[in-house]
Protein backbone atom coordinates (compact mmCIF):
# COMPACT_ATOMS: atom_id res chain seq x y z
CA UNK A 1 141.55 225.46 -20.64
CA UNK A 2 140.77 225.88 -24.30
CA UNK A 3 137.73 223.85 -25.33
CA UNK A 4 135.49 223.58 -28.35
CA UNK A 5 132.03 222.05 -28.62
CA UNK A 6 130.91 221.25 -32.13
CA UNK A 7 127.38 220.51 -33.23
CA UNK A 8 125.17 220.34 -36.30
CA UNK A 9 126.46 217.26 -38.08
CA UNK A 10 124.25 214.46 -39.32
CA UNK A 11 122.92 212.58 -42.32
CA UNK A 12 121.75 214.62 -45.31
CA UNK A 13 120.79 213.79 -48.88
CA UNK A 14 122.89 215.02 -51.82
CA UNK A 15 122.00 218.61 -52.63
CA UNK A 16 120.95 219.31 -49.04
CA UNK A 17 122.31 221.73 -46.46
CA UNK A 18 123.70 221.65 -42.94
CA UNK A 19 125.07 224.28 -40.58
CA UNK A 20 127.86 223.34 -38.22
CA UNK A 21 128.62 225.29 -35.05
CA UNK A 22 131.74 225.39 -32.91
CA UNK A 23 131.53 227.13 -29.54
CA UNK A 24 134.85 228.05 -27.92
CA UNK A 25 135.71 228.68 -24.29
CA UNK A 26 138.75 229.19 -22.10
CA UNK A 27 140.33 231.86 -24.26
CA UNK A 28 139.64 235.26 -25.83
CA UNK A 29 137.72 234.01 -28.83
CA UNK A 30 137.68 237.33 -30.67
CA UNK A 31 141.49 237.48 -30.78
CA UNK A 32 142.10 234.45 -32.97
CA UNK A 33 141.42 233.20 -36.44
CA UNK A 34 139.33 230.05 -36.56
CA UNK A 35 139.20 227.31 -39.13
CA UNK A 36 137.24 224.22 -40.12
CA UNK A 37 138.98 221.07 -41.29
CA UNK A 38 137.57 217.75 -42.38
CA UNK A 39 138.82 214.18 -42.58
CA UNK A 40 137.09 211.89 -45.06
CA UNK A 41 137.22 208.13 -44.38
CA UNK A 42 140.70 206.79 -45.08
CA UNK A 43 142.09 210.18 -46.08
CA UNK A 44 144.18 212.99 -44.60
CA UNK A 45 142.66 215.90 -42.72
CA UNK A 46 142.21 218.93 -45.00
CA UNK A 47 141.41 222.61 -44.65
CA UNK A 48 137.82 223.52 -45.45
CA UNK A 49 137.72 227.21 -44.49
CA UNK A 50 139.37 229.84 -42.33
CA UNK A 51 138.11 233.13 -40.94
CA UNK A 52 140.19 235.89 -39.38
CA UNK A 53 139.60 237.14 -35.85
CA UNK A 54 137.27 239.99 -36.87
CA UNK A 55 135.62 238.03 -39.65
CA UNK A 56 136.98 240.44 -42.23
CA UNK A 57 138.74 237.82 -44.35
CA UNK A 58 138.02 234.23 -45.28
CA UNK A 59 139.82 231.46 -47.15
CA UNK A 60 138.25 228.33 -48.63
CA UNK A 61 139.53 225.00 -49.83
CA UNK A 62 139.09 224.56 -53.56
CA UNK A 63 136.50 221.81 -53.41
CA UNK A 64 134.02 223.83 -51.30
CA UNK A 65 134.28 227.30 -52.84
CA UNK A 66 130.89 228.67 -53.73
CA UNK A 67 129.07 226.06 -51.66
CA UNK A 68 130.29 226.56 -48.08
CA UNK A 69 130.37 229.76 -46.02
CA UNK A 70 132.33 230.31 -42.82
CA UNK A 71 131.19 232.98 -40.38
CA UNK A 72 131.59 233.86 -36.72
CA UNK A 73 129.76 235.60 -33.91
CA UNK A 74 132.33 236.86 -31.43
CA UNK A 75 129.62 237.84 -28.97
CA UNK A 76 128.66 234.16 -28.79
CA UNK A 77 132.23 232.79 -29.07
CA UNK A 78 131.03 230.67 -31.97
CA UNK A 79 132.18 229.93 -35.50
CA UNK A 80 129.81 228.50 -38.10
CA UNK A 81 130.08 226.56 -41.33
CA UNK A 82 127.07 226.78 -43.62
CA UNK A 83 127.23 223.91 -46.11
CA UNK A 84 124.98 223.99 -49.19
CA UNK A 85 124.70 221.78 -52.26
CA UNK A 86 126.27 218.92 -50.34
CA UNK A 87 127.85 216.05 -52.27
CA UNK A 88 128.69 212.48 -51.21
CA UNK A 89 132.38 213.45 -51.31
CA UNK A 90 131.72 215.97 -48.52
CA UNK A 91 131.22 213.02 -46.17
CA UNK A 92 133.78 213.41 -43.38
CA UNK A 93 134.35 214.22 -39.75
CA UNK A 94 134.47 218.01 -39.46
CA UNK A 95 136.69 219.69 -36.88
CA UNK A 96 137.15 223.27 -35.77
CA UNK A 97 140.67 224.43 -35.04
CA UNK A 98 142.47 227.34 -33.44
CA UNK A 99 146.18 228.15 -33.32
CA UNK A 100 147.15 230.24 -30.32
CA UNK A 101 150.73 231.30 -29.63
CA UNK A 102 152.06 228.23 -31.40
CA UNK A 103 149.70 225.74 -29.76
CA UNK A 104 147.07 223.96 -31.85
CA UNK A 105 143.63 223.21 -30.43
CA UNK A 106 141.02 220.96 -32.06
CA UNK A 107 137.37 220.28 -31.40
CA UNK A 108 136.15 216.73 -30.92
CA UNK A 109 134.70 216.54 -34.43
CA UNK A 110 131.21 216.13 -35.81
CA UNK A 111 130.24 213.55 -38.44
CA UNK A 112 128.67 214.70 -41.69
CA UNK A 113 127.32 211.99 -43.98
CA UNK A 114 125.92 212.84 -47.42
CA UNK A 115 124.00 209.91 -48.84
CA UNK A 116 120.71 209.04 -50.45
């Protein structure tokens, strides 16, 4: 079955960096776009970034443009989110997501906390 294992979250000071990873299994990873979402405390889940199946195109949410970079390594079935210049408002649970033939699959989430 489709599964994702996310890693890389943690506590970081404002201005710091983190890299999240999401390893997929149970499907042909290279055939599907992948995305990262986040859910801040008490708020709705929102799109952070999306990358197409080949990595040729990316889309970013407005609040992270210029600070976050999504990438993928299809040989490793993994999508990454490099997060730089982190702000307290980036604090959230981060999820990877895939939509396959109308079905939506989510990772378990990884907590990112930006605080001094």
